[in-house]
Amino acid sequence: MAVAPGWWRRAWDHDLAWSFRHSPVTIVAALLTLACFGAAIFAPWLAPHDPFDLASLNLGDAFAPPAWSAGGQARFPLGTDDQGRDVLSTIMHGARISLGVGLAAVAFSALLGVSLGLLSGYVGGRLDAFIMRVADIQLSFPAILIALLVDGVARVALPRETHDSIAIPVLIFSIGISGWVQYARTVRGSTLVEKNREYVQAARVIGRSRFAIMLHHVLPNVMGPVLVIGTIHVGTAIITEATLSFLGVGLPPTQPSLGTLIRVGNDFLFSGEWWITVFPGLALIVLVLSVNLLGDWLRDALNPKLR
């Protein structure tokens, strides 16, 4: 009697696993993404120094070049910034903040967009027309402009002394509210197809409520494209956060994200301290590029026409 293969064997033989194994670019992108996420998540334990410990900072160490340059120090592999902070440690902690903001913004966008798209596609009528017209209006504005507008309104409406403490929630909301349209339009289109399928009609016949049908029957069958959009949107959200921080309307210097580090280093770029902005910029490029490559692979792997 043959022994049934374990779950790991089924996973190894799955179409996604086969596609992943036969794509060297995707494997490299996955390794880079894993390295970036690992360095960010475990930054408090892996970083050589704590950039938030003011007692350990020494202004005498400011503007130290990378370790391989003349005047460099081995304890600062990528040099130091204007406050004497280790650039490698600030990159790791900055990536932690950038990833946290990006992932939270994507989760908020997906939750809002999927909910509105599901309602719009299943209920239809005036509600569908209203949601889609709001989406059309938002699509006429660049996402960064909407994020700037929301962030600016929040700064005007809220007391000045609370700006630093609520900077991360405001940034997550401003980025998230600018990206829900893609999810809503995609889910609406899939819902329009799924709500006429036999299993949905059968659920109506046995008396299930609209909410139960949308949640338990339609939603699981429209989540495939959402996963692809979410993967690609992570890179966009991180770039948006970096752009806002670079413009000075994102996170404060006390909570340095990659965008904040690039902005601070840009002030010293032409005075010779190039490493302060170049290394955070390279880290941002590697992070976003690897995530986008994974998103592109997932989009192609889940497309039945390309199998």
Foldseek 3Di string as FASTA:
>chain_A
DDDDDDPVVVVCPDLLNVLCVPDPLLVVLVVLQVVLVVLQVCLVPPPLDDQLPLVPWDQVQALQAAQVDVRHDPSQRHGHHNRRHRLRSLLSPQSNLLLVLLLLLLVLLLVVLLVLLLCLQQVPDPSVVVVVVVLVVLVVDDLLVQLVVQLVVVCVVDDVVCCQVCQSVSNSVSNNVSRNSVSNVQLSVQSNVQCPDPVNVVCVVVPDDPVCCSVPPSVVVSCLVVVLCSLLSSLVSSVSQLVCLLVVSGHDPSNRHLSVQLNSLVVCCVVPSVSSNPVSVVSSCSNSVSSNVNSVSSVLSPDVVND
